[in-house]
Amino acid sequence: MRIVESWSTKQFKTTIYAMERWHYVEFEAGPMKQGFKFMKDSHPAVGDVKDALTEGFLTEVYATFEKMYLNLKENGSK
């Protein structure tokens, strides 16, 4: 696995990794991470993966981070 591209926004850090059969996209916000695999058969280039990261997709990623944070705050930090 190798890093192909990485960037940060106000909400989270995004890293795209190249693997043999997938592109793996990792989102990181504070102590939490989310990862998604994109098959190279359907997303052969990094640009194809970036095109899949639509505004709606990223909005759902952020909403999931908010749920994860609330879960951590309510259950994980004692």
N, C-alpha and C. Protein backbone atom coordinates (compact mmCIF):
# COMPACT_ATOMS: atom_id res chain seq x y z
N MET A 1 0.85 -1.16 0.00
CA MET A 1 0.00 0.00 0.00
C MET A 1 0.90 1.23 0.00
N ARG A 2 0.59 2.17 -0.89
CA ARG A 2 1.37 3.40 -0.94
C ARG A 2 0.43 4.60 -1.02
N ILE A 3 0.86 5.70 -0.44
CA ILE A 3 0.07 6.93 -0.49
C ILE A 3 0.17 7.52 -1.89
N VAL A 4 -0.99 7.79 -2.48
CA VAL A 4 -1.04 8.39 -3.81
C VAL A 4 -1.30 9.89 -3.72
N GLU A 5 -2.18 10.25 -2.79
CA GLU A 5 -2.53 11.66 -2.63
C GLU A 5 -3.10 11.89 -1.25
N SER A 6 -2.87 13.09 -0.72
CA SER A 6 -3.36 13.43 0.61
C SER A 6 -3.66 14.91 0.66
N TRP A 7 -4.75 15.30 1.33
CA TRP A 7 -5.08 16.70 1.51
C TRP A 7 -5.95 16.86 2.75
N SER A 8 -6.00 18.07 3.24
CA SER A 8 -6.80 18.37 4.43
C SER A 8 -7.83 19.44 4.12
N THR A 9 -8.98 19.32 4.77
CA THR A 9 -10.01 20.34 4.72
C THR A 9 -10.34 20.72 6.16
N LYS A 10 -11.27 21.62 6.32
CA LYS A 10 -11.67 22.03 7.66
C LYS A 10 -12.27 20.86 8.45
N GLN A 11 -12.95 19.94 7.74
CA GLN A 11 -13.64 18.85 8.43
C GLN A 11 -12.73 17.65 8.72
N PHE A 12 -11.86 17.26 7.77
CA PHE A 12 -11.06 16.07 7.96
C PHE A 12 -9.88 16.02 6.99
N LYS A 13 -8.98 15.07 7.27
CA LYS A 13 -7.86 14.80 6.39
C LYS A 13 -8.24 13.61 5.51
N THR A 14 -7.91 13.69 4.23
CA THR A 14 -8.22 12.63 3.29
C THR A 14 -6.92 12.10 2.70
N THR A 15 -6.79 10.77 2.66
CA THR A 15 -5.62 10.14 2.06
C THR A 15 -6.10 9.03 1.14
N ILE A 16 -5.55 9.00 -0.07
CA ILE A 16 -5.84 7.93 -1.02
C ILE A 16 -4.61 7.05 -1.12
N TYR A 17 -4.82 5.76 -0.91
CA TYR A 17 -3.75 4.77 -1.01
C TYR A 17 -4.00 3.90 -2.24
N ALA A 18 -2.93 3.47 -2.88
CA ALA A 18 -3.04 2.51 -3.99
C ALA A 18 -2.67 1.14 -3.45
N MET A 19 -3.53 0.17 -3.75
CA MET A 19 -3.28 -1.22 -3.40
C MET A 19 -3.37 -2.02 -4.69
N GLU A 20 -3.13 -3.29 -4.61
CA GLU A 20 -3.12 -4.10 -5.83
C GLU A 20 -4.47 -4.09 -6.54
N ARG A 21 -5.54 -4.30 -5.79
CA ARG A 21 -6.87 -4.39 -6.40
C ARG A 21 -7.79 -3.22 -6.10
N TRP A 22 -7.40 -2.36 -5.16
CA TRP A 22 -8.26 -1.27 -4.71
C TRP A 22 -7.49 0.03 -4.61
N HIS A 23 -8.28 1.08 -4.61
CA HIS A 23 -7.83 2.35 -4.06
C HIS A 23 -8.54 2.44 -2.71
N TYR A 24 -7.79 2.72 -1.68
CA TYR A 24 -8.34 2.82 -0.33
C TYR A 24 -8.34 4.29 0.06
N VAL A 25 -9.51 4.80 0.41
CA VAL A 25 -9.64 6.21 0.80
C VAL A 25 -9.88 6.25 2.30
N GLU A 26 -9.03 6.99 3.00
CA GLU A 26 -9.12 7.10 4.45
C GLU A 26 -9.43 8.55 4.82
N PHE A 27 -10.43 8.71 5.66
CA PHE A 27 -10.80 10.02 6.20
C PHE A 27 -10.46 10.00 7.68
N GLU A 28 -9.83 11.06 8.15
CA GLU A 28 -9.42 11.14 9.56
C GLU A 28 -9.88 12.46 10.15
N ALA A 29 -10.54 12.36 11.31
CA ALA A 29 -10.99 13.54 12.04
C ALA A 29 -10.72 13.29 13.52
N GLY A 30 -9.77 14.00 14.08
CA GLY A 30 -9.42 13.81 15.48
C GLY A 30 -9.00 12.37 15.73
N PRO A 31 -9.60 11.70 16.73
CA PRO A 31 -9.21 10.33 17.06
C PRO A 31 -9.92 9.27 16.22
N MET A 32 -10.70 9.69 15.23
CA MET A 32 -11.52 8.74 14.48
C MET A 32 -11.08 8.66 13.02
N LYS A 33 -11.30 7.47 12.43
CA LYS A 33 -10.99 7.24 11.02
C LYS A 33 -12.13 6.48 10.37
N GLN A 34 -12.31 6.74 9.08
CA GLN A 34 -13.23 5.96 8.26
C GLN A 34 -12.47 5.57 6.99
N GLY A 35 -12.73 4.40 6.47
CA GLY A 35 -12.07 3.97 5.26
C GLY A 35 -13.03 3.35 4.27
N PHE A 36 -12.76 3.56 3.00
CA PHE A 36 -13.59 3.03 1.92
C PHE A 36 -12.68 2.45 0.84
N LYS A 37 -13.07 1.29 0.31
CA LYS A 37 -12.33 0.66 -0.77
C LYS A 37 -13.07 0.89 -2.09
N PHE A 38 -12.34 1.30 -3.10
CA PHE A 38 -12.86 1.46 -4.45
C PHE A 38 -12.11 0.48 -5.35
N MET A 39 -12.83 -0.47 -5.93
CA MET A 39 -12.20 -1.46 -6.80
C MET A 39 -11.58 -0.77 -8.01
N LYS A 40 -10.39 -1.18 -8.37
CA LYS A 40 -9.72 -0.61 -9.54
C LYS A 40 -10.43 -0.97 -10.84
N ASP A 41 -11.24 -2.04 -10.82
CA ASP A 41 -12.02 -2.38 -12.02
C ASP A 41 -12.99 -1.26 -12.37
N SER A 42 -13.62 -0.68 -11.36
CA SER A 42 -14.60 0.39 -11.61
C SER A 42 -14.03 1.79 -11.43
N HIS A 43 -12.91 1.92 -10.73
CA HIS A 43 -12.25 3.20 -10.50
C HIS A 43 -10.75 3.04 -10.76
N PRO A 44 -10.36 2.91 -12.05
CA PRO A 44 -8.96 2.58 -12.36
C PRO A 44 -7.94 3.67 -12.03
N ALA A 45 -8.35 4.92 -12.06
CA ALA A 45 -7.42 6.02 -11.82
C ALA A 45 -7.82 6.79 -10.57
N VAL A 46 -6.86 7.47 -10.00
CA VAL A 46 -7.12 8.28 -8.80
C VAL A 46 -8.19 9.33 -9.10
N GLY A 47 -8.17 9.87 -10.29
CA GLY A 47 -9.19 10.84 -10.68
C GLY A 47 -10.60 10.28 -10.62
N ASP A 48 -10.74 8.99 -10.97
CA ASP A 48 -12.05 8.33 -10.87
C ASP A 48 -12.50 8.23 -9.43
N VAL A 49 -11.56 7.95 -8.54
CA VAL A 49 -11.88 7.88 -7.11
C VAL A 49 -12.29 9.26 -6.61
N LYS A 50 -11.53 10.27 -6.98
CA LYS A 50 -11.85 11.63 -6.54
C LYS A 50 -13.21 12.08 -7.07
N ASP A 51 -13.56 11.66 -8.28
CA ASP A 51 -14.88 11.98 -8.83
C ASP A 51 -15.99 11.34 -8.01
N ALA A 52 -15.71 10.19 -7.41
CA ALA A 52 -16.71 9.50 -6.59
C ALA A 52 -16.92 10.18 -5.24
N LEU A 53 -15.99 11.03 -4.85
CA LEU A 53 -16.10 11.74 -3.57
C LEU A 53 -16.92 13.00 -3.76
N THR A 54 -18.17 12.79 -4.05
CA THR A 54 -19.09 13.90 -4.32
C THR A 54 -19.42 14.65 -3.03
N GLU A 55 -20.05 15.78 -3.20
CA GLU A 55 -20.46 16.58 -2.04
C GLU A 55 -21.39 15.77 -1.14
N GLY A 56 -22.32 15.03 -1.74
CA GLY A 56 -23.23 14.20 -0.95
C GLY A 56 -22.50 13.11 -0.19
N PHE A 57 -21.54 12.46 -0.83
CA PHE A 57 -20.74 11.42 -0.18
C PHE A 57 -19.98 12.01 1.01
N LEU A 58 -19.32 13.15 0.79
CA LEU A 58 -18.54 13.78 1.86
C LEU A 58 -19.42 14.29 2.99
N THR A 59 -20.62 14.73 2.67
CA THR A 59 -21.56 15.15 3.71
C THR A 59 -21.91 13.97 4.61
N GLU A 60 -22.11 12.79 4.02
CA GLU A 60 -22.41 11.59 4.81
C GLU A 60 -21.20 11.15 5.64
N VAL A 61 -20.01 11.28 5.08
CA VAL A 61 -18.79 10.97 5.85
C VAL A 61 -18.73 11.86 7.08
N TYR A 62 -18.98 13.16 6.90
CA TYR A 62 -18.94 14.10 8.03
C TYR A 62 -20.03 13.78 9.05
N ALA A 63 -21.23 13.44 8.58
CA ALA A 63 -22.33 13.10 9.50
C ALA A 63 -21.97 11.85 10.30
N THR A 64 -21.30 10.90 9.68
CA THR A 64 -20.88 9.70 10.40
C THR A 64 -19.84 10.04 11.45
N PHE A 65 -18.92 10.95 11.13
CA PHE A 65 -17.94 11.40 12.13
C PHE A 65 -18.65 12.05 13.31
N GLU A 66 -19.68 12.83 13.06
CA GLU A 66 -20.42 13.45 14.17
C GLU A 66 -21.04 12.38 15.07
N LYS A 67 -21.62 11.33 14.47
CA LYS A 67 -22.20 10.23 15.26
C LYS A 67 -21.11 9.50 16.03
N MET A 68 -19.98 9.27 15.39
CA MET A 68 -18.87 8.59 16.06
C MET A 68 -18.38 9.41 17.24
N TYR A 69 -18.29 10.72 17.07
CA TYR A 69 -17.83 11.60 18.15
C TYR A 69 -18.79 11.54 19.34
N LEU A 70 -20.09 11.60 19.05
CA LEU A 70 -21.08 11.54 20.13
C LEU A 70 -21.01 10.21 20.86
N ASN A 71 -20.85 9.13 20.11
CA ASN A 71 -20.69 7.81 20.72
C ASN A 71 -19.46 7.75 21.62
N LEU A 72 -18.35 8.28 21.12
CA LEU A 72 -17.12 8.29 21.90
C LEU A 72 -17.29 9.14 23.16
N LYS A 73 -17.92 10.29 22.99
CA LYS A 73 -18.11 11.20 24.13
C LYS A 73 -19.01 10.57 25.19
N GLU A 74 -20.07 9.89 24.74
CA GLU A 74 -21.03 9.31 25.69
C GLU A 74 -20.54 7.99 26.30
N ASN A 75 -19.76 7.23 25.56
CA ASN A 75 -19.41 5.88 26.00
C ASN A 75 -17.94 5.59 26.17
N GLY A 76 -17.11 6.36 25.52
CA GLY A 76 -15.70 6.00 25.52
C GLY A 76 -14.82 6.81 26.43
N SER A 77 -15.26 7.96 26.82
CA SER A 77 -14.44 8.83 27.67
C SER A 77 -15.01 8.85 29.06
N LYS A 78 -14.40 8.10 29.94
CA LYS A 78 -14.88 8.04 31.34
C LYS A 78 -13.92 8.77 32.24
